N, C-alpha and C. Protein backbone atom coordinates (compact mmCIF):
# COMPACT_ATOMS: atom_id res chain seq x y z
N ALA A 1 149.94 90.91 265.87
CA ALA A 1 150.82 92.25 266.05
C ALA A 1 150.28 93.29 267.08
N ALA A 2 150.97 94.20 267.33
CA ALA A 2 150.50 95.42 267.91
C ALA A 2 151.14 96.57 267.66
N VAL A 3 150.31 97.62 267.14
CA VAL A 3 150.88 99.15 267.28
C VAL A 3 151.35 99.49 268.56
N ARG A 4 152.64 99.92 268.74
CA ARG A 4 153.29 100.43 269.89
C ARG A 4 153.07 101.67 270.23
N ASP A 5 151.97 102.25 270.92
CA ASP A 5 151.81 103.08 271.49
C ASP A 5 151.62 103.02 273.14
N ASP A 6 152.53 102.32 273.75
CA ASP A 6 152.40 101.75 275.25
C ASP A 6 153.05 102.63 276.08
N GLY A 7 154.04 103.40 275.65
CA GLY A 7 154.55 104.38 276.55
C GLY A 7 155.87 104.09 277.00
N VAL A 8 156.05 102.77 276.88
CA VAL A 8 157.30 102.11 277.26
C VAL A 8 158.16 101.50 276.10
N THR A 9 157.98 100.80 275.19
CA THR A 9 158.82 100.10 274.38
C THR A 9 159.78 101.45 273.52
N HIS A 10 159.13 102.24 273.28
CA HIS A 10 159.97 103.61 272.65
C HIS A 10 161.16 103.78 273.41
N GLN A 11 161.17 103.38 274.60
CA GLN A 11 162.27 103.55 275.63
C GLN A 11 163.63 102.32 275.29
N LEU A 12 163.04 101.64 274.63
CA LEU A 12 163.91 100.16 274.27
C LEU A 12 164.45 100.16 273.14
N LEU A 13 163.81 100.60 272.35
CA LEU A 13 164.08 100.41 270.65
C LEU A 13 163.58 101.72 269.82
N PRO A 14 163.93 101.48 268.85
CA PRO A 14 163.32 102.68 267.72
C PRO A 14 161.70 102.34 267.58
N PRO A 15 160.92 103.08 267.23
CA PRO A 15 159.37 103.03 267.07
C PRO A 15 159.31 102.20 265.71
N GLU A 16 160.51 101.85 264.49
CA GLU A 16 160.25 101.05 263.62
C GLU A 16 160.12 99.64 263.87
N TYR A 17 160.83 99.23 265.14
CA TYR A 17 160.75 97.89 265.62
C TYR A 17 159.49 97.23 265.93
N PRO A 18 159.13 96.38 265.01
CA PRO A 18 157.63 95.90 265.29
C PRO A 18 157.38 95.08 266.41
N ALA A 19 156.17 94.87 266.73
CA ALA A 19 155.52 94.27 268.08
C ALA A 19 154.94 93.05 267.51
N VAL A 20 155.54 91.96 267.30
CA VAL A 20 154.78 90.85 266.50
C VAL A 20 155.06 89.45 267.20
N SER A 21 154.09 88.69 267.41
CA SER A 21 153.82 87.43 268.01
C SER A 21 154.91 86.39 267.06
N SER A 22 154.93 85.24 267.90
CA SER A 22 155.65 84.41 267.43
C SER A 22 154.69 83.92 266.41
N PRO A 23 155.24 83.18 265.31
CA PRO A 23 154.10 82.48 264.21
C PRO A 23 153.93 81.12 265.08
N GLU A 24 154.78 80.24 265.79
CA GLU A 24 154.10 79.01 266.35
C GLU A 24 153.40 79.38 267.58
N ALA A 25 153.23 80.53 268.24
CA ALA A 25 152.37 80.61 269.12
C ALA A 25 150.98 81.36 268.77
N VAL A 26 151.22 81.88 267.44
CA VAL A 26 150.11 82.03 266.69
C VAL A 26 148.96 80.79 266.23
N PHE A 27 150.03 80.01 265.80
CA PHE A 27 149.27 78.72 264.92
C PHE A 27 148.88 77.81 266.25
N ALA A 28 149.60 77.56 267.39
CA ALA A 28 148.85 76.93 268.58
C ALA A 28 147.81 77.56 269.09
N LEU A 29 147.67 78.94 269.17
CA LEU A 29 146.65 79.71 269.71
C LEU A 29 145.29 79.58 268.75
N GLN A 30 145.44 79.62 267.31
CA GLN A 30 144.54 79.34 266.61
C GLN A 30 143.90 77.84 266.52
N ARG A 31 145.14 76.89 266.42
CA ARG A 31 144.36 75.67 266.92
C ARG A 31 143.31 75.21 268.09
N ALA A 32 144.26 75.66 269.14
CA ALA A 32 143.37 75.63 270.23
C ALA A 32 142.20 76.01 270.48
N ALA A 33 141.84 77.34 269.74
CA ALA A 33 140.49 78.20 269.66
C ALA A 33 139.51 77.33 268.91
N ARG A 34 140.42 76.79 267.64
CA ARG A 34 139.11 76.10 266.81
C ARG A 34 138.86 75.05 267.49
N GLU A 35 139.84 74.09 268.23
CA GLU A 35 139.54 72.81 268.53
C GLU A 35 138.40 73.12 269.66
N SER A 36 138.40 74.07 270.40
CA SER A 36 137.51 74.23 271.74
C SER A 36 136.33 75.03 271.17
N GLY A 37 136.17 75.53 270.09
CA GLY A 37 134.98 76.01 269.57
C GLY A 37 135.08 77.31 269.71
N ALA A 38 135.96 78.06 270.26
CA ALA A 38 136.31 79.29 270.85
C ALA A 38 135.84 80.30 269.71
N PRO A 39 135.01 81.31 269.66
CA PRO A 39 135.16 82.45 268.57
C PRO A 39 136.98 83.15 268.59
N HIS A 40 137.27 83.32 267.65
CA HIS A 40 138.58 83.79 267.31
C HIS A 40 138.88 84.56 266.08
N HIS A 41 139.95 85.40 266.23
CA HIS A 41 140.18 86.31 265.00
C HIS A 41 141.89 86.69 265.27
N ARG A 42 142.73 86.60 264.23
CA ARG A 42 144.01 86.97 264.41
C ARG A 42 143.99 88.19 263.85
N GLY A 43 144.81 89.16 264.07
CA GLY A 43 144.97 90.52 263.68
C GLY A 43 146.03 91.51 264.39
N VAL A 44 146.10 92.57 264.07
CA VAL A 44 146.73 93.96 264.84
C VAL A 44 145.63 94.67 265.80
N VAL A 45 146.34 94.66 267.05
CA VAL A 45 145.74 95.44 268.19
C VAL A 45 146.58 96.82 268.38
N TRP A 46 145.93 97.71 269.05
CA TRP A 46 146.33 98.81 269.46
C TRP A 46 146.76 98.71 270.83
N THR A 47 148.20 98.81 271.14
CA THR A 47 148.56 98.91 272.91
C THR A 47 148.55 100.31 273.10
N ARG A 48 147.58 100.84 273.69
CA ARG A 48 147.82 101.99 273.99
C ARG A 48 147.97 102.50 275.86
N ALA A 49 148.87 103.10 276.50
CA ALA A 49 148.59 103.13 277.75
C ALA A 49 147.39 103.98 277.97
N ALA A 50 146.89 104.53 277.97
CA ALA A 50 145.42 104.91 278.20
C ALA A 50 144.68 105.31 277.32
N PHE A 51 143.26 104.75 277.18
CA PHE A 51 142.47 104.70 276.14
C PHE A 51 141.27 105.70 276.50
N GLN A 52 141.28 106.72 277.64
CA GLN A 52 140.85 107.58 277.70
C GLN A 52 140.95 108.98 277.47
N PRO A 53 140.54 109.98 276.69
CA PRO A 53 140.81 111.12 276.44
C PRO A 53 141.00 111.91 277.76
N GLY A 54 142.43 112.64 277.44
CA GLY A 54 142.45 113.55 278.81
C GLY A 54 142.42 115.05 278.18
N LEU A 55 143.30 115.79 278.26
CA LEU A 55 143.65 117.28 277.51
C LEU A 55 143.74 117.17 276.36
N LEU A 56 144.56 116.05 275.76
CA LEU A 56 144.98 115.85 274.39
C LEU A 56 143.80 115.12 273.47
N PRO A 57 143.64 114.92 272.31
CA PRO A 57 142.84 114.43 271.75
C PRO A 57 143.40 112.83 271.70
N LEU A 58 142.43 111.83 271.57
CA LEU A 58 142.94 110.47 271.47
C LEU A 58 142.83 110.50 270.15
N PHE A 59 144.12 109.92 269.22
CA PHE A 59 144.09 109.90 268.20
C PHE A 59 143.43 108.50 267.68
N SER A 60 142.90 108.13 266.47
CA SER A 60 142.00 107.17 265.90
C SER A 60 142.63 106.34 265.00
N TYR A 61 142.50 105.25 264.94
CA TYR A 61 142.99 104.26 264.01
C TYR A 61 141.83 103.67 263.14
N ASP A 62 140.70 104.44 263.15
CA ASP A 62 139.58 104.03 262.45
C ASP A 62 139.94 103.76 261.18
N GLY A 63 139.51 102.73 260.35
CA GLY A 63 139.80 102.30 259.10
C GLY A 63 141.04 101.61 258.81
N ALA A 64 141.92 101.33 260.13
CA ALA A 64 142.75 100.64 259.73
C ALA A 64 142.86 99.10 260.11
N GLY A 65 141.68 98.66 260.35
CA GLY A 65 141.29 97.13 260.35
C GLY A 65 141.85 96.58 261.83
N LEU A 66 141.96 97.58 262.90
CA LEU A 66 142.52 96.98 264.21
C LEU A 66 141.35 95.96 264.84
N ALA A 67 141.90 95.22 265.44
CA ALA A 67 141.02 94.14 266.22
C ALA A 67 140.50 94.53 267.31
N ALA A 68 141.44 95.43 268.05
CA ALA A 68 141.05 95.69 269.35
C ALA A 68 141.81 96.68 269.74
N ILE A 69 141.69 97.42 271.17
CA ILE A 69 142.76 98.15 271.89
C ILE A 69 142.68 97.48 273.30
N GLU A 70 144.01 97.66 273.52
CA GLU A 70 144.48 96.96 275.02
C GLU A 70 145.65 97.67 275.58
N MET A 71 146.28 97.41 276.60
CA MET A 71 147.28 98.25 277.07
C MET A 71 148.65 97.34 277.34
N GLU A 72 148.77 96.08 276.97
CA GLU A 72 150.03 95.63 277.49
C GLU A 72 150.61 94.86 276.31
N LEU A 73 149.96 94.43 275.27
CA LEU A 73 150.66 93.50 274.44
C LEU A 73 151.97 93.81 273.60
N SER A 74 151.89 95.01 273.42
CA SER A 74 153.45 95.41 272.64
C SER A 74 154.50 95.25 273.31
N ALA A 75 154.35 95.72 274.86
CA ALA A 75 155.45 95.43 275.59
C ALA A 75 156.09 94.15 275.68
N LEU A 76 154.98 93.01 275.80
CA LEU A 76 155.27 91.87 276.20
C LEU A 76 155.91 91.08 274.77
N LEU A 77 155.47 91.66 273.54
CA LEU A 77 156.01 90.81 272.37
C LEU A 77 157.17 91.29 272.26
N VAL A 78 157.63 93.14 272.45
CA VAL A 78 158.94 93.20 272.08
C VAL A 78 159.50 92.75 273.24
N THR A 79 159.52 92.68 274.47
CA THR A 79 160.53 91.75 275.27
C THR A 79 160.54 90.52 274.99
N ALA A 80 159.84 89.80 274.64
CA ALA A 80 159.71 88.46 274.06
C ALA A 80 160.91 88.21 273.01
N SER A 81 160.60 88.93 271.99
CA SER A 81 161.72 89.19 270.98
C SER A 81 162.83 89.32 271.16
N LEU A 82 163.04 90.36 271.98
CA LEU A 82 164.58 90.82 272.51
C LEU A 82 165.30 89.68 273.14
N ARG A 83 164.34 88.96 274.04
CA ARG A 83 165.23 87.57 274.86
C ARG A 83 164.62 86.41 273.92
N GLY A 84 164.62 86.07 272.58
CA GLY A 84 164.33 85.15 272.03
C GLY A 84 163.38 84.43 272.48
N LEU A 85 162.12 84.42 273.14
CA LEU A 85 161.09 84.04 273.72
C LEU A 85 160.16 83.60 272.58
N VAL A 86 159.19 82.68 272.69
CA VAL A 86 158.09 82.36 271.89
C VAL A 86 156.92 83.11 272.71
N ALA A 87 156.06 84.10 271.97
CA ALA A 87 155.11 84.69 272.69
C ALA A 87 153.87 85.15 271.81
N GLY A 88 152.63 85.31 272.03
CA GLY A 88 151.39 85.67 271.42
C GLY A 88 150.78 86.18 272.55
N GLY A 89 149.31 86.68 272.02
CA GLY A 89 148.35 87.18 272.97
C GLY A 89 147.10 86.47 272.75
N VAL A 90 146.40 86.76 273.86
CA VAL A 90 145.09 86.13 273.81
C VAL A 90 144.08 87.29 274.42
N LEU A 91 143.11 87.95 273.73
CA LEU A 91 142.63 88.86 274.35
C LEU A 91 141.07 88.62 274.40
N VAL A 92 140.41 88.93 275.15
CA VAL A 92 139.01 89.00 275.31
C VAL A 92 138.12 90.28 275.07
N VAL A 93 137.46 90.37 273.90
CA VAL A 93 137.03 91.50 273.19
C VAL A 93 135.23 91.40 273.60
N ASP A 94 135.14 92.13 274.27
CA ASP A 94 133.84 92.04 274.89
C ASP A 94 132.46 93.12 274.14
N GLY A 95 132.91 93.53 273.25
CA GLY A 95 131.99 94.30 272.01
C GLY A 95 131.57 95.79 272.80
N ALA A 96 132.15 96.06 273.66
CA ALA A 96 132.31 97.70 274.16
C ALA A 96 132.43 98.29 273.06
N ASN A 97 131.86 99.29 272.80
CA ASN A 97 132.30 100.46 271.85
C ASN A 97 132.93 101.49 272.64
N ALA A 98 133.68 102.41 271.80
CA ALA A 98 134.23 103.69 272.60
C ALA A 98 133.68 104.52 273.11
N ASP A 99 132.31 104.85 272.99
CA ASP A 99 131.25 105.57 273.77
C ASP A 99 131.26 105.09 275.03
N GLU A 100 131.19 103.78 275.19
CA GLU A 100 131.18 103.06 276.56
C GLU A 100 132.31 103.39 277.44
N LEU A 101 133.27 103.43 276.75
CA LEU A 101 134.82 103.48 277.67
C LEU A 101 134.74 104.88 277.97
N VAL A 102 134.50 105.98 277.21
CA VAL A 102 134.80 107.34 277.63
C VAL A 102 133.63 108.02 277.82
N ASP A 103 132.38 107.90 277.92
CA ASP A 103 131.20 108.82 277.79
C ASP A 103 130.52 108.08 279.01
N GLU A 104 131.22 108.17 280.39
CA GLU A 104 130.86 107.52 281.79
C GLU A 104 129.44 108.49 281.90
N GLU A 105 129.30 109.67 281.80
CA GLU A 105 127.95 110.31 282.27
C GLU A 105 126.51 109.89 281.63
N SER A 106 126.87 109.25 280.36
CA SER A 106 125.40 108.75 279.72
C SER A 106 125.48 107.22 279.76
N THR A 107 126.49 106.73 280.03
CA THR A 107 126.25 105.21 279.93
C THR A 107 126.23 104.63 281.43
N GLY A 108 126.81 105.32 282.31
CA GLY A 108 127.06 104.78 283.51
C GLY A 108 128.14 104.29 283.96
N GLY A 109 128.97 104.29 283.07
CA GLY A 109 130.61 103.79 282.91
C GLY A 109 130.64 102.43 282.41
N TYR A 110 131.67 102.08 282.17
CA TYR A 110 131.86 100.91 281.56
C TYR A 110 131.95 99.90 282.66
N ASN A 111 131.30 98.46 282.42
CA ASN A 111 131.48 97.76 283.60
C ASN A 111 131.95 96.06 282.90
N PRO A 112 133.56 96.26 283.28
CA PRO A 112 133.72 94.81 282.93
C PRO A 112 133.60 93.65 283.64
N HIS A 113 132.61 93.70 284.77
CA HIS A 113 132.26 92.53 285.42
C HIS A 113 130.83 92.09 285.46
N ARG A 114 130.86 91.91 284.05
CA ARG A 114 129.45 91.38 283.46
C ARG A 114 129.89 89.64 283.20
N ASP A 115 128.87 89.14 282.71
CA ASP A 115 128.92 87.60 282.77
C ASP A 115 129.31 87.49 281.42
N VAL A 116 129.22 88.22 280.43
CA VAL A 116 129.77 87.99 278.85
C VAL A 116 131.57 88.09 279.13
N VAL A 117 131.84 88.97 279.98
CA VAL A 117 133.29 89.08 279.94
C VAL A 117 133.91 88.03 280.79
N ALA A 118 133.07 87.33 282.02
CA ALA A 118 133.63 86.03 282.69
C ALA A 118 133.83 85.25 281.80
N ALA A 119 132.69 84.77 281.27
CA ALA A 119 132.75 83.75 280.13
C ALA A 119 133.91 83.90 279.02
N GLY A 120 134.23 84.92 278.58
CA GLY A 120 135.17 85.32 277.57
C GLY A 120 136.53 84.86 278.19
N VAL A 121 136.60 85.59 279.53
CA VAL A 121 137.98 85.31 280.15
C VAL A 121 138.24 83.74 280.09
N GLU A 122 136.91 83.00 280.67
CA GLU A 122 137.17 81.56 281.05
C GLU A 122 137.54 80.93 279.63
N ARG A 123 137.03 81.12 278.49
CA ARG A 123 137.41 80.51 277.16
C ARG A 123 138.98 81.12 276.71
N GLY A 124 139.15 82.21 277.05
CA GLY A 124 140.61 82.41 276.93
C GLY A 124 141.53 81.82 277.74
N ALA A 125 141.14 81.67 278.95
CA ALA A 125 142.20 80.72 279.79
C ALA A 125 142.38 79.24 279.29
N VAL A 126 141.03 78.58 278.53
CA VAL A 126 141.31 77.42 278.07
C VAL A 126 142.03 77.49 276.80
N VAL A 127 141.85 78.36 276.31
CA VAL A 127 142.59 78.25 274.91
C VAL A 127 143.95 78.58 275.09
N SER A 128 144.49 79.35 275.81
CA SER A 128 145.82 79.68 276.25
C SER A 128 146.45 78.47 277.14
N LEU A 129 145.67 77.82 277.80
CA LEU A 129 146.57 76.62 278.37
C LEU A 129 146.43 75.45 277.43
N GLU A 130 145.58 75.51 276.62
CA GLU A 130 146.02 74.33 275.22
C GLU A 130 146.69 74.69 274.52
N ALA A 131 146.95 75.99 274.24
CA ALA A 131 147.84 76.46 273.08
C ALA A 131 149.36 76.00 273.75
N LEU A 132 149.65 76.22 275.09
CA LEU A 132 150.86 76.16 275.95
C LEU A 132 151.10 74.59 275.67
N ARG A 133 150.07 73.62 276.04
CA ARG A 133 150.29 72.48 275.84
C ARG A 133 150.89 71.98 274.55
N LEU A 134 150.19 72.44 273.59
CA LEU A 134 150.28 72.06 272.03
C LEU A 134 151.79 72.71 271.88
N LEU A 135 152.32 73.99 272.18
CA LEU A 135 153.68 74.37 272.13
C LEU A 135 154.60 73.37 272.94
N ALA A 136 154.78 72.94 274.13
CA ALA A 136 154.96 71.68 274.76
C ALA A 136 155.29 70.73 273.78
N GLU A 137 154.39 70.37 273.48
CA GLU A 137 154.31 68.99 272.71
C GLU A 137 155.02 69.19 271.43
N ASP A 138 154.91 70.22 270.58
CA ASP A 138 155.65 70.47 269.53
C ASP A 138 157.11 70.62 269.91
N GLU A 139 157.78 71.23 271.12
CA GLU A 139 158.81 71.34 271.36
C GLU A 139 159.41 69.90 271.67
N SER A 140 159.00 69.24 272.11
CA SER A 140 159.45 67.83 272.58
C SER A 140 159.82 67.01 271.41
N ALA A 141 158.93 67.32 270.21
CA ALA A 141 158.94 66.42 269.33
C ALA A 141 160.32 66.28 268.28
């Protein structure tokens, strides 16, 4: 699931409408990750249109147990739900902390082009494709 702080979905539905993955997508992704040996977690993420602070303070969900912050998943999940489609999400979490994302002066800026990120994206692609195969297999049964 995702916290809907995306700047888009509130224009489509009331804020009380949840952004949730389809159970069958979650189970297929979990199975694909387990079978491929990819580290994985299920959980709630925070979809936020901008994660860098500007003039307004950045609200924090510290202590809420969120798995990650990202920019698109809630819009995808809401759109899929409205259209009756099966949807889920695969995120590559590279372990960067909030200071790396917002304190460019002291860290030299966040660099998403590291080997650890490329390896994670490759694992995520393998898991995603296998989950799609599993979903198609279940649908044809």
